[in-house]
């Protein structure tokens, strides 16, 4: 009976998890581990309850995707509000400052990018990358705002984020 290191067994799980079937996983693993037997892979699957682990991972990924979607929608709403505020300011000012115009165009570009990505439902969207890109933009943008404005804007969303974190990781 073959025995593999915990690191190798974890590698076996990662490959199995992509297929969640023994035969396709075994075919891929045999490229690197030609002596790996089907019964060995099956034993590890059963012994370490890979099916339950994969189900939990899938459920967790779905929750994260939904939370990322909710955050993305909230950020999109905030960006739209910022764009409207900036547009009103630009409409009512006598001389347009290049920085204000650039900030407005940057906000409009972010809105356009998010909207375009959301429309591409046939393609897998990297929501984490979008979220990180938006956070980077917001940090840069908000760093030019007064502390009171930043605290007020963020305070509207932190409670929901805090509850999600507490629900996921415990209080």
C-alpha atoms as a PDB file:
ATOM      1  CA  UNK A   1       0.000   0.000   0.000  1.00  0.00           C
ATOM      2  CA  UNK A   2       1.555   3.290  -1.152  1.00  0.00           C
ATOM      3  CA  UNK A   3       1.904   6.148   1.253  1.00  0.00           C
ATOM      4  CA  UNK A   4       2.538   9.760   0.285  1.00  0.00           C
ATOM      5  CA  UNK A   5       3.571  12.838   2.263  1.00  0.00           C
ATOM      6  CA  UNK A   6       0.849  15.181   3.542  1.00  0.00           C
ATOM      7  CA  UNK A   7       1.992  17.797   1.005  1.00  0.00           C
ATOM      8  CA  UNK A   8       1.566  15.297  -1.845  1.00  0.00           C
ATOM      9  CA  UNK A   9      -1.822  14.166  -0.549  1.00  0.00           C
ATOM     10  CA  UNK A  10      -2.870  17.829  -0.516  1.00  0.00           C
ATOM     11  CA  UNK A  11      -1.713  18.117  -4.123  1.00  0.00           C
ATOM     12  CA  UNK A  12      -3.821  15.056  -4.918  1.00  0.00           C
ATOM     13  CA  UNK A  13      -6.814  16.746  -3.298  1.00  0.00           C
ATOM     14  CA  UNK A  14      -6.304  19.961  -5.282  1.00  0.00           C
ATOM     15  CA  UNK A  15      -6.309  18.026  -8.561  1.00  0.00           C
ATOM     16  CA  UNK A  16      -9.250  15.851  -7.474  1.00  0.00           C
ATOM     17  CA  UNK A  17     -11.204  18.964  -6.408  1.00  0.00           C
ATOM     18  CA  UNK A  18     -11.035  20.376  -9.942  1.00  0.00           C
ATOM     19  CA  UNK A  19     -12.799  17.296 -11.312  1.00  0.00           C
ATOM     20  CA  UNK A  20     -14.431  15.813  -8.210  1.00  0.00           C
ATOM     21  CA  UNK A  21     -14.158  12.456  -9.960  1.00  0.00           C
ATOM     22  CA  UNK A  22     -11.450   9.855  -9.519  1.00  0.00           C
ATOM     23  CA  UNK A  23     -10.712   8.879 -13.117  1.00  0.00           C
ATOM     24  CA  UNK A  24     -10.024  12.340 -14.612  1.00  0.00           C
ATOM     25  CA  UNK A  25      -8.018  13.331 -11.520  1.00  0.00           C
ATOM     26  CA  UNK A  26      -6.043  10.099 -11.662  1.00  0.00           C
ATOM     27  CA  UNK A  27      -5.283  10.621 -15.364  1.00  0.00           C
ATOM     28  CA  UNK A  28      -3.833  14.059 -14.611  1.00  0.00           C
ATOM     29  CA  UNK A  29      -1.934  12.895 -11.514  1.00  0.00           C
ATOM     30  CA  UNK A  30      -0.432   9.919 -13.348  1.00  0.00           C
ATOM     31  CA  UNK A  31       1.587  12.372 -15.455  1.00  0.00           C
ATOM     32  CA  UNK A  32       3.603  13.264 -12.362  1.00  0.00           C
ATOM     33  CA  UNK A  33       2.959  10.140 -10.275  1.00  0.00           C
ATOM     34  CA  UNK A  34       2.884   7.245 -12.767  1.00  0.00           C
ATOM     35  CA  UNK A  35       2.670   4.605 -10.031  1.00  0.00           C
ATOM     36  CA  UNK A  36      -0.332   6.181  -8.287  1.00  0.00           C
ATOM     37  CA  UNK A  37      -3.112   3.603  -8.105  1.00  0.00           C
ATOM     38  CA  UNK A  38      -6.812   4.389  -8.358  1.00  0.00           C
ATOM     39  CA  UNK A  39      -7.475   2.613  -5.053  1.00  0.00           C
ATOM     40  CA  UNK A  40      -4.841   4.811  -3.330  1.00  0.00           C
ATOM     41  CA  UNK A  41      -6.499   7.984  -4.591  1.00  0.00           C
ATOM     42  CA  UNK A  42      -9.911   6.595  -3.600  1.00  0.00           C
ATOM     43  CA  UNK A  43      -8.588   5.729  -0.125  1.00  0.00           C
ATOM     44  CA  UNK A  44      -7.313   9.272   0.399  1.00  0.00           C
ATOM     45  CA  UNK A  45     -10.608  10.706  -0.895  1.00  0.00           C
ATOM     46  CA  UNK A  46     -12.574   8.630   1.583  1.00  0.00           C
ATOM     47  CA  UNK A  47     -10.143   8.865   4.506  1.00  0.00           C
ATOM     48  CA  UNK A  48      -9.890  12.648   4.344  1.00  0.00           C
ATOM     49  CA  UNK A  49     -13.515  13.193   3.278  1.00  0.00           C
ATOM     50  CA  UNK A  50     -12.622  15.198   0.210  1.00  0.00           C
ATOM     51  CA  UNK A  51     -16.232  15.335  -0.977  1.00  0.00           C
ATOM     52  CA  UNK A  52     -17.369  17.141   2.171  1.00  0.00           C
ATOM     53  CA  UNK A  53     -14.303  19.385   2.085  1.00  0.00           C
ATOM     54  CA  UNK A  54     -15.005  20.303  -1.544  1.00  0.00           C
ATOM     55  CA  UNK A  55     -18.680  20.971  -0.782  1.00  0.00           C
ATOM     56  CA  UNK A  56     -17.688  23.299   2.082  1.00  0.00           C
ATOM     57  CA  UNK A  57     -15.144  25.047  -0.134  1.00  0.00           C
ATOM     58  CA  UNK A  58     -17.745  25.511  -2.877  1.00  0.00           C
ATOM     59  CA  UNK A  59     -20.295  26.897  -0.418  1.00  0.00           C
ATOM     60  CA  UNK A  60     -17.687  29.255   1.026  1.00  0.00           C
ATOM     61  CA  UNK A  61     -16.684  30.409  -2.481  1.00  0.00           C
ATOM     62  CA  UNK A  62     -20.325  31.086  -3.337  1.00  0.00           C
ATOM     63  CA  UNK A  63     -20.771  33.131  -0.152  1.00  0.00           C
ATOM     64  CA  UNK A  64     -17.618  35.096  -0.925  1.00  0.00           C
ATOM     65  CA  UNK A  65     -18.758  35.679  -4.487  1.00  0.00           C
ATOM     66  CA  UNK A  66     -22.131  36.953  -3.255  1.00  0.00           C
ATOM     67  CA  UNK A  67     -20.460  39.203  -0.678  1.00  0.00           C
ATOM     68  CA  UNK A  68     -18.048  40.487  -3.333  1.00  0.00           C
ATOM     69  CA  UNK A  69     -21.020  41.154  -5.611  1.00  0.00           C
ATOM     70  CA  UNK A  70     -22.787  43.053  -2.833  1.00  0.00           C
ATOM     71  CA  UNK A  71     -19.666  45.106  -2.100  1.00  0.00           C
ATOM     72  CA  UNK A  72     -19.172  45.761  -5.802  1.00  0.00           C
ATOM     73  CA  UNK A  73     -22.754  47.015  -6.137  1.00  0.00           C
ATOM     74  CA  UNK A  74     -22.327  49.237  -3.076  1.00  0.00           C
ATOM     75  CA  UNK A  75     -19.072  50.623  -4.452  1.00  0.00           C
ATOM     76  CA  UNK A  76     -20.719  51.206  -7.810  1.00  0.00           C
ATOM     77  CA  UNK A  77     -23.508  53.138  -6.086  1.00  0.00           C
ATOM     78  CA  UNK A  78     -20.926  55.172  -4.173  1.00  0.00           C
ATOM     79  CA  UNK A  79     -18.975  55.892  -7.345  1.00  0.00           C
ATOM     80  CA  UNK A  80     -22.159  57.020  -9.081  1.00  0.00           C
ATOM     81  CA  UNK A  81     -22.943  59.336  -6.159  1.00  0.00           C
ATOM     82  CA  UNK A  82     -19.393  60.723  -6.251  1.00  0.00           C
ATOM     83  CA  UNK A  83     -19.649  61.223 -10.017  1.00  0.00           C
ATOM     84  CA  UNK A  84     -22.935  63.075  -9.631  1.00  0.00           C
ATOM     85  CA  UNK A  85     -21.490  65.257  -6.874  1.00  0.00           C
ATOM     86  CA  UNK A  86     -18.396  66.007  -8.947  1.00  0.00           C
ATOM     87  CA  UNK A  87     -20.476  66.675 -12.089  1.00  0.00           C
ATOM     88  CA  UNK A  88     -22.687  69.129 -10.203  1.00  0.00           C
ATOM     89  CA  UNK A  89     -19.606  70.887  -8.865  1.00  0.00           C
ATOM     90  CA  UNK A  90     -18.085  71.110 -12.348  1.00  0.00           C
ATOM     91  CA  UNK A  91     -21.363  72.421 -13.819  1.00  0.00           C
ATOM     92  CA  UNK A  92     -21.613  75.148 -11.188  1.00  0.00           C
ATOM     93  CA  UNK A  93     -18.032  76.351 -11.120  1.00  0.00           C
ATOM     94  CA  UNK A  94     -16.766  79.220 -13.222  1.00  0.00           C
ATOM     95  CA  UNK A  95     -13.249  77.879 -13.721  1.00  0.00           C
ATOM     96  CA  UNK A  96     -12.632  74.169 -13.981  1.00  0.00           C
ATOM     97  CA  UNK A  97      -9.642  72.835 -12.106  1.00  0.00           C
ATOM     98  CA  UNK A  98      -7.739  70.129 -13.994  1.00  0.00           C
ATOM     99  CA  UNK A  99      -7.566  67.948 -10.878  1.00  0.00           C
ATOM    100  CA  UNK A 100     -11.343  68.103 -10.417  1.00  0.00           C
ATOM    101  CA  UNK A 101     -11.896  67.250 -14.061  1.00  0.00           C
ATOM    102  CA  UNK A 102      -9.389  64.393 -13.859  1.00  0.00           C
ATOM    103  CA  UNK A 103     -11.064  63.051 -10.701  1.00  0.00           C
ATOM    104  CA  UNK A 104     -14.451  63.127 -12.432  1.00  0.00           C
ATOM    105  CA  UNK A 105     -13.100  61.351 -15.506  1.00  0.00           C
ATOM    106  CA  UNK A 106     -11.382  58.734 -13.336  1.00  0.00           C
ATOM    107  CA  UNK A 107     -14.643  58.057 -11.459  1.00  0.00           C
ATOM    108  CA  UNK A 108     -16.569  57.827 -14.730  1.00  0.00           C
ATOM    109  CA  UNK A 109     -13.949  55.421 -16.095  1.00  0.00           C
ATOM    110  CA  UNK A 110     -14.229  53.188 -13.007  1.00  0.00           C
ATOM    111  CA  UNK A 111     -18.024  53.135 -13.344  1.00  0.00           C
ATOM    112  CA  UNK A 112     -17.702  52.225 -17.011  1.00  0.00           C
ATOM    113  CA  UNK A 113     -15.216  49.432 -16.314  1.00  0.00           C
ATOM    114  CA  UNK A 114     -17.333  47.891 -13.566  1.00  0.00           C
ATOM    115  CA  UNK A 115     -20.492  48.156 -15.644  1.00  0.00           C
ATOM    116  CA  UNK A 116     -18.789  46.545 -18.640  1.00  0.00           C
ATOM    117  CA  UNK A 117     -17.444  43.702 -16.520  1.00  0.00           C
ATOM    118  CA  UNK A 118     -20.864  43.057 -15.007  1.00  0.00           C
ATOM    119  CA  UNK A 119     -22.414  42.878 -18.483  1.00  0.00           C
ATOM    120  CA  UNK A 120     -20.045  40.110 -19.516  1.00  0.00           C
ATOM    121  CA  UNK A 121     -22.051  37.401 -17.793  1.00  0.00           C
ATOM    122  CA  UNK A 122     -20.620  34.672 -20.017  1.00  0.00           C
ATOM    123  CA  UNK A 123     -17.112  35.393 -18.770  1.00  0.00           C
ATOM    124  CA  UNK A 124     -15.818  34.632 -15.310  1.00  0.00           C
ATOM    125  CA  UNK A 125     -15.176  37.952 -13.601  1.00  0.00           C
ATOM    126  CA  UNK A 126     -12.293  38.233 -11.170  1.00  0.00           C
ATOM    127  CA  UNK A 127     -14.287  40.051  -8.516  1.00  0.00           C
ATOM    128  CA  UNK A 128     -11.364  40.129  -6.118  1.00  0.00           C
ATOM    129  CA  UNK A 129      -9.234  41.978  -8.674  1.00  0.00           C
ATOM    130  CA  UNK A 130     -12.069  44.431  -9.342  1.00  0.00           C
ATOM    131  CA  UNK A 131     -12.577  44.956  -5.623  1.00  0.00           C
ATOM    132  CA  UNK A 132      -8.859  45.560  -5.041  1.00  0.00           C
ATOM    133  CA  UNK A 133      -8.677  47.936  -8.001  1.00  0.00           C
ATOM    134  CA  UNK A 134     -11.653  49.890  -6.667  1.00  0.00           C
ATOM    135  CA  UNK A 135     -10.209  49.998  -3.171  1.00  0.00           C
ATOM    136  CA  UNK A 136      -6.926  51.331  -4.542  1.00  0.00           C
ATOM    137  CA  UNK A 137      -8.780  54.009  -6.471  1.00  0.00           C
ATOM    138  CA  UNK A 138     -10.956  54.932  -3.492  1.00  0.00           C
ATOM    139  CA  UNK A 139      -7.955  55.185  -1.174  1.00  0.00           C
ATOM    140  CA  UNK A 140      -6.256  57.550  -3.624  1.00  0.00           C
ATOM    141  CA  UNK A 141      -9.414  59.569  -4.132  1.00  0.00           C
ATOM    142  CA  UNK A 142     -10.408  59.725  -0.473  1.00  0.00           C
ATOM    143  CA  UNK A 143      -6.898  60.731   0.596  1.00  0.00           C
ATOM    144  CA  UNK A 144      -7.661  64.137  -0.951  1.00  0.00           C
ATOM    145  CA  UNK A 145     -10.914  64.485   1.038  1.00  0.00           C
ATOM    146  CA  UNK A 146     -11.341  65.786   4.555  1.00  0.00           C
ATOM    147  CA  UNK A 147     -11.202  63.240   7.369  1.00  0.00           C
ATOM    148  CA  UNK A 148     -14.825  63.940   8.312  1.00  0.00           C
ATOM    149  CA  UNK A 149     -16.054  63.229   4.774  1.00  0.00           C
ATOM    150  CA  UNK A 150     -14.071  59.993   4.629  1.00  0.00           C
ATOM    151  CA  UNK A 151     -15.323  58.774   8.007  1.00  0.00           C
ATOM    152  CA  UNK A 152     -18.927  59.571   7.068  1.00  0.00           C
ATOM    153  CA  UNK A 153     -18.686  57.799   3.688  1.00  0.00           C
ATOM    154  CA  UNK A 154     -16.996  54.687   5.045  1.00  0.00           C
ATOM    155  CA  UNK A 155     -19.178  54.540   8.145  1.00  0.00           C
ATOM    156  CA  UNK A 156     -22.202  53.838   5.986  1.00  0.00           C
ATOM    157  CA  UNK A 157     -20.725  50.488   4.885  1.00  0.00           C
ATOM    158  CA  UNK A 158     -18.453  49.336   7.673  1.00  0.00           C
ATOM    159  CA  UNK A 159     -21.264  47.965   9.830  1.00  0.00           C
ATOM    160  CA  UNK A 160     -22.359  45.548   7.093  1.00  0.00           C
ATOM    161  CA  UNK A 161     -18.794  44.481   6.391  1.00  0.00           C
ATOM    162  CA  UNK A 162     -18.164  44.001  10.119  1.00  0.00           C
ATOM    163  CA  UNK A 163     -21.245  41.798  10.449  1.00  0.00           C
ATOM    164  CA  UNK A 164     -20.171  39.661   7.489  1.00  0.00           C
ATOM    165  CA  UNK A 165     -16.696  39.205   8.964  1.00  0.00           C
ATOM    166  CA  UNK A 166     -18.135  38.357  12.387  1.00  0.00           C
ATOM    167  CA  UNK A 167     -20.528  35.831  10.843  1.00  0.00           C
ATOM    168  CA  UNK A 168     -17.724  34.199   8.895  1.00  0.00           C
ATOM    169  CA  UNK A 169     -14.982  34.154  11.533  1.00  0.00           C
ATOM    170  CA  UNK A 170     -16.871  34.482  14.803  1.00  0.00           C
ATOM    171  CA  UNK A 171     -16.951  37.282  17.340  1.00  0.00           C
END
